[in-house]
Amino acid sequence: MEEMIKNTFGWIREQEITTAKGLSRLITAYELWGVENDFPTKLIQLKSENNWDNSIRETARACSSLASSNFDLEKCGEWLLSKRENNGSWGNDVYDTTYALIALAEMEIHETKGCKWLVENYGEKWEHVGTTSLIITTLAKQEALTKDKHFTDFIEERARWILSERAEEGGWKFISTSNLVIQALVIVGLKEELKQSLNWLISRQNNNGSWGKNEGDITATALSLITLGYAHRQ
């Protein structure tokens, strides 16, 4: 494992990362593995006023990755909250809402209304393993702030459904989707049922140390590092 991870960081050092999304993912990955980097400074340099790209999703990702840093994110959190709809969602969009709520949880800001919106509106349209994984990650992180267990039954039922959708070899079709799934299931305490999936993920690493198509993709590689970091820490 140590040599495999070392090769991955070597591949990353050869890449030019200029997007908020890429930098945010890598900050989290490097933090989990305890590797020094200057990505937080680079990410802050991309900030315009109190947001990134005037995007809820990119701002949320950035805030999540920087939450444990020394940077003052109070204004960024206020910007995110200012974009919330009256029904608790962000633009009635499941992805903007999940990423925003995850970021707020990382900044220790509890938001029950948005969580209720996700559960009450969950249905066939969102019943995909990647989307569902983001939702249960959101609910688990928000619940952890207050120790209230309003959504435990939903989380447990949907986590079991996700496991039932796993392919025989251990993954969920795509690398990035599989990473989101494994991360969610580790967060909700199902690591022991994921040995096959973790082995599958490791087997999908490219020879150059990366993950993803065309000899490596930053998002797939960063997400894989995050997944293995979560599993390593638990």
Protein backbone atom coordinates (compact mmCIF):
# COMPACT_ATOMS: atom_id res chain seq x y z
CA MET A 1 0.00 0.00 0.00
CA GLU A 2 2.77 2.46 0.91
CA GLU A 3 4.54 2.09 -2.43
CA MET A 4 1.26 2.34 -4.32
CA ILE A 5 0.33 5.61 -2.61
CA LYS A 6 3.86 6.96 -3.13
CA ASN A 7 3.52 6.33 -6.88
CA THR A 8 0.21 8.19 -6.91
CA PHE A 9 1.67 11.29 -5.31
CA GLY A 10 4.53 11.09 -7.79
CA TRP A 11 2.06 11.14 -10.69
CA ILE A 12 0.18 14.10 -9.18
CA ARG A 13 3.39 16.13 -8.90
CA GLU A 14 3.75 15.85 -12.67
CA GLN A 15 0.29 17.34 -13.32
CA GLU A 16 -0.73 20.97 -13.65
CA ILE A 17 -3.80 21.50 -11.48
CA THR A 18 -5.51 24.85 -12.00
CA THR A 19 -9.19 24.25 -11.23
CA ALA A 20 -10.95 24.76 -7.91
CA LYS A 21 -12.47 21.28 -8.19
CA GLY A 22 -9.12 19.57 -8.69
CA LEU A 23 -7.38 21.53 -5.95
CA SER A 24 -10.22 20.94 -3.49
CA ARG A 25 -10.16 17.18 -4.01
CA LEU A 26 -6.38 17.03 -3.69
CA ILE A 27 -6.30 19.11 -0.49
CA THR A 28 -8.55 16.54 1.18
CA ALA A 29 -6.52 13.65 -0.20
CA TYR A 30 -3.19 15.07 0.93
CA GLU A 31 -4.56 15.88 4.37
CA LEU A 32 -5.83 12.34 4.87
CA TRP A 33 -2.39 10.94 4.01
CA GLY A 34 -0.49 13.58 5.97
CA VAL A 35 1.45 14.87 2.97
CA GLU A 36 2.53 18.52 2.88
CA ASN A 37 1.42 20.62 -0.09
CA ASP A 38 0.71 24.18 -1.20
CA PHE A 39 -2.69 23.45 -2.72
CA PRO A 40 -4.66 25.43 -0.06
CA THR A 41 -2.81 28.64 -0.96
CA LYS A 42 -3.40 28.00 -4.66
CA LEU A 43 -7.10 27.39 -4.02
CA ILE A 44 -7.47 30.59 -2.00
CA GLN A 45 -5.88 32.50 -4.87
CA LEU A 46 -8.75 31.35 -7.10
CA LYS A 47 -11.37 32.75 -4.71
CA SER A 48 -13.34 35.76 -5.97
CA GLU A 49 -14.80 37.78 -3.08
CA ASN A 50 -16.40 35.06 -0.94
CA ASN A 51 -16.88 32.27 -3.45
CA TRP A 52 -15.27 30.19 -6.17
CA ASP A 53 -16.47 30.63 -9.77
CA ASN A 54 -19.76 32.06 -8.45
CA SER A 55 -20.71 28.40 -8.08
CA ILE A 56 -22.46 26.82 -5.11
CA ARG A 57 -20.88 23.45 -5.83
CA GLU A 58 -17.31 24.69 -6.31
CA THR A 59 -17.56 26.98 -3.28
CA ALA A 60 -18.89 24.10 -1.20
CA ARG A 61 -16.10 21.77 -2.32
CA ALA A 62 -13.50 24.44 -1.55
CA CYS A 63 -14.95 25.15 1.89
CA SER A 64 -15.06 21.44 2.71
CA SER A 65 -11.41 21.01 1.81
CA LEU A 66 -10.27 24.11 3.70
CA ALA A 67 -12.43 23.65 6.80
CA SER A 68 -9.56 22.28 8.90
CA SER A 69 -7.08 24.91 7.67
CA ASN A 70 -6.17 28.27 9.18
CA PHE A 71 -8.05 30.21 6.52
CA ASP A 72 -11.05 32.25 7.67
CA LEU A 73 -14.08 30.82 5.86
CA GLU A 74 -16.82 32.67 7.75
CA LYS A 75 -17.73 34.92 4.82
CA CYS A 76 -17.71 31.97 2.44
CA GLY A 77 -20.11 30.12 4.72
CA GLU A 78 -22.35 33.18 4.80
CA TRP A 79 -22.26 33.31 0.99
CA LEU A 80 -23.34 29.67 0.79
CA LEU A 81 -26.20 30.26 3.25
CA SER A 82 -27.32 33.33 1.29
CA LYS A 83 -27.94 31.08 -1.73
CA ARG A 84 -30.29 28.73 0.14
CA GLU A 85 -33.92 28.57 -0.95
CA ASN A 86 -36.81 28.91 1.49
CA ASN A 87 -37.46 25.16 1.25
CA GLY A 88 -33.94 24.44 2.53
CA SER A 89 -32.44 23.41 -0.80
CA TRP A 90 -29.89 25.13 -2.98
CA GLY A 91 -31.60 25.84 -6.30
CA ASN A 92 -33.78 22.74 -5.91
CA ASP A 93 -30.72 20.86 -7.09
CA VAL A 94 -29.75 17.66 -5.30
CA TYR A 95 -26.03 18.03 -6.03
CA ASP A 96 -25.70 21.69 -5.06
CA THR A 97 -27.70 20.92 -1.92
CA THR A 98 -25.65 17.90 -0.87
CA TYR A 99 -22.30 19.61 -1.45
CA ALA A 100 -23.47 22.76 0.36
CA LEU A 101 -24.72 20.80 3.37
CA ILE A 102 -21.54 18.73 3.52
CA ALA A 103 -19.46 21.92 3.49
CA LEU A 104 -21.58 23.47 6.23
CA ALA A 105 -21.18 20.32 8.30
CA GLU A 106 -17.41 20.51 7.88
CA MET A 107 -17.62 24.12 9.11
CA GLU A 108 -19.78 22.93 12.05
CA ILE A 109 -22.93 24.66 10.83
CA HIS A 110 -26.05 22.55 11.36
CA GLU A 111 -28.84 22.77 8.77
CA THR A 112 -31.80 20.46 9.36
CA LYS A 113 -34.17 21.95 6.78
CA GLY A 114 -31.99 21.04 3.82
CA CYS A 115 -31.59 17.49 5.13
CA LYS A 116 -35.36 17.14 5.40
CA TRP A 117 -35.73 18.42 1.83
CA LEU A 118 -33.39 15.67 0.60
CA VAL A 119 -35.26 12.90 2.42
CA GLU A 120 -38.76 14.16 1.62
CA ASN A 121 -37.97 14.55 -2.09
CA TYR A 122 -36.01 11.34 -2.50
CA GLY A 123 -37.49 9.15 -5.22
CA GLU A 124 -36.89 7.38 -8.49
CA LYS A 125 -35.20 10.42 -10.05
CA TRP A 126 -32.42 10.33 -7.44
CA GLU A 127 -32.29 6.57 -6.95
CA HIS A 128 -28.82 6.11 -8.38
CA VAL A 129 -25.93 4.83 -6.30
CA GLY A 130 -23.77 7.94 -6.73
CA THR A 131 -26.55 10.40 -5.94
CA THR A 132 -27.79 8.30 -3.04
CA SER A 133 -24.26 8.06 -1.65
CA LEU A 134 -23.92 11.84 -1.63
CA ILE A 135 -27.25 12.10 0.18
CA ILE A 136 -26.39 9.62 2.94
CA THR A 137 -22.94 11.22 3.34
CA THR A 138 -24.70 14.57 3.79
CA LEU A 139 -27.15 13.25 6.35
CA ALA A 140 -24.46 11.38 8.29
CA LYS A 141 -22.17 14.42 8.50
CA GLN A 142 -25.00 16.73 9.51
CA GLU A 143 -26.28 14.27 12.12
CA ALA A 144 -22.80 13.97 13.60
CA LEU A 145 -22.90 17.65 14.62
CA THR A 146 -25.85 17.27 17.00
CA LYS A 147 -25.90 13.50 17.62
CA ASP A 148 -29.61 13.61 16.67
CA LYS A 149 -30.61 10.50 14.71
CA HIS A 150 -33.56 11.79 12.71
CA PHE A 151 -32.37 10.17 9.49
CA THR A 152 -30.78 6.94 10.75
CA ASP A 153 -33.44 4.64 9.30
CA PHE A 154 -33.19 6.31 5.89
CA ILE A 155 -29.38 6.11 5.94
CA GLU A 156 -29.32 2.44 6.92
CA GLU A 157 -31.96 1.38 4.38
CA ARG A 158 -30.35 3.26 1.51
CA ALA A 159 -26.85 2.03 2.45
CA ARG A 160 -28.08 -1.57 2.24
CA TRP A 161 -29.70 -0.84 -1.13
CA ILE A 162 -26.38 0.57 -2.40
CA LEU A 163 -24.58 -2.60 -1.30
CA SER A 164 -27.16 -4.68 -3.15
CA GLU A 165 -26.27 -2.81 -6.35
CA ARG A 166 -22.58 -3.70 -6.19
CA ALA A 167 -21.18 -5.59 -9.15
CA GLU A 168 -19.73 -9.05 -8.65
CA GLU A 169 -16.14 -7.82 -8.95
CA GLY A 170 -16.69 -5.28 -6.15
CA GLY A 171 -17.27 -1.92 -7.84
CA TRP A 172 -20.17 0.22 -9.00
CA LYS A 173 -19.53 0.62 -12.74
CA PHE A 174 -17.45 3.84 -12.76
CA ILE A 175 -14.35 4.72 -10.70
CA SER A 176 -15.63 8.09 -9.49
CA THR A 177 -19.05 6.70 -8.61
CA SER A 178 -17.49 3.77 -6.79
CA ASN A 179 -15.34 6.15 -4.78
CA LEU A 180 -18.33 8.22 -3.67
CA VAL A 181 -20.12 5.01 -2.72
CA ILE A 182 -17.26 3.50 -0.72
CA GLN A 183 -16.64 6.80 1.08
CA ALA A 184 -20.30 7.03 2.07
CA LEU A 185 -20.43 3.44 3.30
CA VAL A 186 -17.22 3.86 5.31
CA ILE A 187 -18.64 7.02 6.91
CA VAL A 188 -21.81 5.19 7.99
CA GLY A 189 -19.82 2.32 9.51
CA LEU A 190 -19.88 -0.40 6.86
CA LYS A 191 -16.14 -0.68 6.26
CA GLU A 192 -16.08 -4.41 7.11
CA GLU A 193 -18.38 -5.10 4.18
CA LEU A 194 -16.15 -3.23 1.73
CA LYS A 195 -12.97 -5.33 1.60
CA GLN A 196 -13.89 -6.65 -1.84
CA SER A 197 -14.64 -3.13 -3.08
CA LEU A 198 -11.39 -1.71 -1.73
CA ASN A 199 -9.45 -4.53 -3.38
CA TRP A 200 -11.30 -3.79 -6.63
CA LEU A 201 -10.40 -0.10 -6.38
CA ILE A 202 -6.73 -0.90 -5.77
CA SER A 203 -6.74 -3.25 -8.77
CA ARG A 204 -7.98 -0.40 -10.99
CA GLN A 205 -4.91 1.75 -10.42
CA ASN A 206 -2.98 2.58 -13.59
CA ASN A 207 0.67 1.59 -13.93
CA ASN A 208 1.71 5.24 -13.59
CA GLY A 209 0.09 5.51 -10.15
CA SER A 210 -3.10 7.28 -11.22
CA TRP A 211 -6.71 6.21 -11.59
CA GLY A 212 -9.04 6.93 -14.49
CA LYS A 213 -9.06 6.75 -18.27
CA ASN A 214 -6.39 7.98 -20.67
CA GLU A 215 -3.47 7.31 -18.36
CA GLY A 216 -4.99 9.14 -15.45
CA ASP A 217 -7.62 11.65 -14.37
CA ILE A 218 -7.15 14.13 -11.48
CA THR A 219 -10.69 13.73 -10.11
CA ALA A 220 -10.63 9.92 -10.22
CA THR A 221 -7.13 9.85 -8.70
CA ALA A 222 -7.93 12.31 -5.92
CA LEU A 223 -11.18 10.53 -5.07
CA SER A 224 -9.35 7.19 -4.93
CA LEU A 225 -6.77 8.63 -2.55
CA ILE A 226 -9.57 10.01 -0.37
CA THR A 227 -11.36 6.66 -0.34
CA LEU A 228 -8.24 4.71 0.61
CA GLY A 229 -7.40 7.40 3.17
CA TYR A 230 -10.81 7.07 4.83
CA ALA A 231 -10.50 3.30 4.92
CA HIS A 232 -6.91 3.50 6.25
CA ARG A 233 -7.96 5.82 9.10
CA GLN A 234 -10.98 3.87 10.27
